[in-house]
Protein backbone atom coordinates (compact mmCIF):
# COMPACT_ATOMS: atom_id res chain seq x y z
CA UNK A 1 0.00 0.00 0.00
CA UNK A 2 1.86 3.02 -1.33
CA UNK A 3 0.23 5.48 1.08
CA UNK A 4 1.54 3.58 4.11
CA UNK A 5 4.98 3.02 2.58
CA UNK A 6 5.34 6.74 1.88
CA UNK A 7 4.31 7.59 5.43
CA UNK A 8 6.85 5.13 6.86
CA UNK A 9 9.60 6.63 4.67
CA UNK A 10 8.65 10.15 5.75
CA UNK A 11 7.93 9.68 9.47
CA UNK A 12 9.35 6.29 10.47
CA UNK A 13 12.49 6.27 12.59
CA UNK A 14 15.00 3.41 12.42
CA UNK A 15 16.76 2.50 15.65
CA UNK A 16 19.64 0.07 16.13
CA UNK A 17 18.58 -3.55 16.62
CA UNK A 18 16.11 -3.58 13.68
CA UNK A 19 13.62 -1.38 15.50
CA UNK A 20 11.30 0.70 13.32
CA UNK A 21 9.48 3.42 15.25
CA UNK A 22 6.14 4.43 13.78
CA UNK A 23 4.81 5.92 16.99
CA UNK A 24 3.98 9.30 15.45
CA UNK A 25 1.21 7.78 13.31
CA UNK A 26 0.47 4.12 14.24
CA UNK A 27 1.22 2.91 17.74
CA UNK A 28 1.36 5.88 20.10
CA UNK A 29 -0.15 8.80 18.25
CA UNK A 30 -2.64 7.39 15.74
CA UNK A 31 -3.52 8.82 12.32
CA UNK A 32 -7.16 7.79 12.01
CA UNK A 33 -7.43 8.94 8.38
CA UNK A 34 -4.54 6.60 7.53
CA UNK A 35 -6.20 3.82 9.56
CA UNK A 36 -9.42 4.29 7.57
CA UNK A 37 -7.52 3.85 4.29
CA UNK A 38 -5.81 0.74 5.68
CA UNK A 39 -9.19 -0.66 6.75
CA UNK A 40 -10.61 -0.10 3.26
CA UNK A 41 -7.65 -1.91 1.74
CA UNK A 42 -8.09 -4.91 4.05
CA UNK A 43 -11.81 -4.92 3.23
CA UNK A 44 -10.88 -5.09 -0.46
CA UNK A 45 -8.26 -7.81 0.03
CA UNK A 46 -10.55 -9.99 2.18
CA UNK A 47 -13.65 -9.41 0.05
CA UNK A 48 -15.92 -12.45 0.03
CA UNK A 49 -14.58 -13.83 3.32
CA UNK A 50 -17.34 -14.46 5.89
CA UNK A 51 -15.66 -12.36 8.62
CA UNK A 52 -17.89 -11.86 11.66
CA UNK A 53 -15.24 -10.86 14.21
CA UNK A 54 -11.89 -9.10 14.32
CA UNK A 55 -9.28 -10.26 16.82
CA UNK A 56 -6.18 -8.36 17.95
CA UNK A 57 -3.91 -8.08 20.96
CA UNK A 58 -3.43 -5.16 23.31
CA UNK A 59 -2.30 -2.51 23.10
CA UNK A 60 -1.01 -1.27 19.74
CA UNK A 61 -3.35 -3.38 17.62
CA UNK A 62 -6.54 -2.05 19.20
CA UNK A 63 -6.77 1.27 17.36
CA UNK A 64 -6.21 -0.25 13.92
CA UNK A 65 -8.51 -3.19 14.67
CA UNK A 66 -11.31 -0.88 15.84
CA UNK A 67 -11.24 1.12 12.60
CA UNK A 68 -11.07 -2.12 10.56
CA UNK A 69 -14.01 -3.52 12.53
CA UNK A 70 -16.06 -0.47 11.62
CA UNK A 71 -15.25 -1.05 7.93
CA UNK A 72 -16.23 -4.73 8.19
CA UNK A 73 -19.21 -3.87 10.46
CA UNK A 74 -18.29 -6.54 13.00
CA UNK A 75 -17.19 -6.51 16.66
CA UNK A 76 -13.53 -6.41 17.64
CA UNK A 77 -12.13 -8.53 20.48
CA UNK A 78 -8.68 -7.92 21.91
CA UNK A 79 -6.57 -10.40 23.81
CA UNK A 80 -5.54 -9.00 27.18
CA UNK A 81 -1.98 -9.29 28.44
CA UNK A 82 -2.82 -9.50 32.13
CA UNK A 83 -5.38 -11.03 34.44
CA UNK A 84 -7.69 -8.53 36.12
CA UNK A 85 -10.62 -8.72 38.51
CA UNK A 86 -13.09 -7.81 35.78
CA UNK A 87 -12.16 -10.82 33.61
CA UNK A 88 -14.43 -13.84 33.71
CA UNK A 89 -12.95 -17.06 35.08
CA UNK A 90 -13.66 -18.99 31.86
CA UNK A 91 -10.95 -17.90 29.41
CA UNK A 92 -8.63 -19.07 26.67
CA UNK A 93 -5.04 -18.48 27.82
CA UNK A 94 -1.68 -18.84 26.10
CA UNK A 95 1.79 -17.32 26.36
CA UNK A 96 3.65 -15.20 23.84
CA UNK A 97 7.05 -13.54 23.72
CA UNK A 98 7.13 -9.89 22.65
CA UNK A 99 9.92 -8.86 20.25
CA UNK A 100 9.48 -5.19 21.19
CA UNK A 101 9.42 -5.64 24.95
CA UNK A 102 11.71 -8.66 25.15
CA UNK A 103 9.53 -10.52 27.65
CA UNK A 104 6.87 -13.20 27.88
CA UNK A 105 3.19 -12.37 28.32
CA UNK A 106 0.15 -14.41 29.18
CA UNK A 107 -2.63 -13.49 26.75
CA UNK A 108 -6.27 -14.00 27.61
CA UNK A 109 -9.60 -13.97 25.74
CA UNK A 110 -12.93 -14.66 27.41
CA UNK A 111 -14.70 -17.75 26.06
CA UNK A 112 -17.94 -15.80 25.76
CA UNK A 113 -16.43 -13.56 23.06
CA UNK A 114 -14.86 -16.22 20.82
CA UNK A 115 -16.19 -19.62 19.80
CA UNK A 116 -16.73 -22.13 17.00
CA UNK A 117 -19.37 -19.87 15.43
CA UNK A 118 -16.77 -17.20 14.67
CA UNK A 119 -14.99 -16.43 11.40
CA UNK A 120 -12.06 -14.34 12.54
CA UNK A 121 -9.87 -11.77 10.82
CA UNK A 122 -6.77 -11.09 12.90
CA UNK A 123 -5.45 -7.53 12.68
CA UNK A 124 -2.22 -6.19 14.19
CA UNK A 125 0.22 -3.33 13.71
CA UNK A 126 3.51 -5.25 13.32
CA UNK A 127 4.71 -8.67 12.24
CA UNK A 128 8.33 -9.49 13.09
CA UNK A 129 9.02 -12.96 14.50
CA UNK A 130 5.34 -13.87 14.58
CA UNK A 131 5.08 -14.70 18.30
CA UNK A 132 1.99 -12.57 18.94
CA UNK A 133 0.23 -13.98 15.88
CA UNK A 134 1.09 -17.55 16.84
CA UNK A 135 -0.49 -16.87 20.23
CA UNK A 136 -3.64 -15.48 18.64
CA UNK A 137 -3.81 -18.45 16.26
CA UNK A 138 -3.50 -20.79 19.24
CA UNK A 139 -6.38 -19.02 20.97
CA UNK A 140 -8.60 -19.25 17.86
CA UNK A 141 -7.76 -22.95 17.64
CA UNK A 142 -8.74 -23.44 21.30
CA UNK A 143 -12.02 -21.66 20.54
CA UNK A 144 -12.70 -23.74 17.43
CA UNK A 145 -13.01 -20.50 15.43
CA UNK A 146 -12.11 -20.28 11.73
CA UNK A 147 -9.30 -17.89 10.81
CA UNK A 148 -10.27 -16.19 7.56
CA UNK A 149 -7.03 -14.24 7.30
CA UNK A 150 -4.53 -11.93 8.92
CA UNK A 151 -4.10 -8.23 8.19
CA UNK A 152 -0.84 -6.56 9.22
CA UNK A 153 0.08 -2.90 8.90
CA UNK A 154 3.88 -3.32 8.80
CA UNK A 155 5.70 -6.61 8.23
CA UNK A 156 9.45 -6.94 8.68
CA UNK A 157 10.09 -9.16 5.68
CA UNK A 158 13.65 -9.90 6.82
CA UNK A 159 12.36 -11.64 9.96
CA UNK A 160 10.72 -15.06 10.01
CA UNK A 161 7.15 -14.29 11.12
CA UNK A 162 5.64 -13.79 7.67
CA UNK A 163 7.19 -16.99 6.34
CA UNK A 164 5.90 -19.00 9.29
CA UNK A 165 2.35 -17.69 8.83
CA UNK A 166 2.35 -18.20 5.05
CA UNK A 167 3.57 -21.78 5.51
CA UNK A 168 0.36 -22.44 7.45
CA UNK A 169 -1.64 -21.57 4.32
CA UNK A 170 -3.32 -18.57 5.95
CA UNK A 171 -4.07 -15.53 3.79
CA UNK A 172 -1.68 -12.89 5.13
CA UNK A 173 -2.12 -9.34 3.86
CA UNK A 174 0.64 -6.98 4.99
CA UNK A 175 0.12 -3.43 3.77
CA UNK A 176 3.82 -2.52 3.95
CA UNK A 177 6.62 -5.10 3.89
CA UNK A 178 9.99 -3.74 4.98
CA UNK A 179 12.69 -5.85 3.31
CA UNK A 180 15.62 -3.92 4.74
CA UNK A 181 16.37 -0.79 6.74
CA UNK A 182 19.55 1.01 7.67
CA UNK A 183 19.77 2.95 10.93
CA UNK A 184 22.80 4.93 9.69
CA UNK A 185 21.39 6.14 6.38
CA UNK A 186 17.70 6.01 7.30
CA UNK A 187 17.03 4.05 4.10
CA UNK A 188 14.04 1.71 4.05
CA UNK A 189 13.43 -0.75 1.21
CA UNK A 190 9.99 -2.24 0.67
CA UNK A 191 8.99 -5.46 -1.05
CA UNK A 192 5.92 -7.59 -1.50
CA UNK A 193 4.78 -11.17 -1.07
CA UNK A 194 2.31 -13.25 -3.01
CA UNK A 195 -1.12 -12.20 -1.81
CA UNK A 196 0.31 -8.98 -0.40
CA UNK A 197 1.36 -6.92 -3.38
CA UNK A 198 -0.57 -4.08 -4.91
């Protein structure tokens, strides 16, 4: 998606350790107009899929997923990263390791919000090693829900997550795939994958 690639080139900041900061428009301050365009693109790419629920993980995926859910006219459910007193006792629970935070999280979804009647589209902001997505896929499997596809804003094509997901035969639509980035020069190169190019 050229609009997103141009925004990443303009406002993205590359940090050592393969960190791409997009916090001025995606995952701290959010550009809702950009999110609306992303949601329309996912709606186009997943046209004909019987999506009745969008699933994401807190916190950065929530904003994008909410706008996408409005476009698809379905509810959005987000996996929580911590137990709290307002969570029901009957939950799906798994563990994931966060690339960004470098630690393991327990992720939780209430059984009353996800079940075998659901056709899920998973939406998230980043795909790097794929740990968060693997956790969400595990939760949908526990629920008996069908995964209709995965929509990602920014995929790091030089890390293994995208390959692992595609090997599972799941339709993965990443709107911007970063193939390489250089913290010294600030250069970012984009690519595409089958089912993800425009």
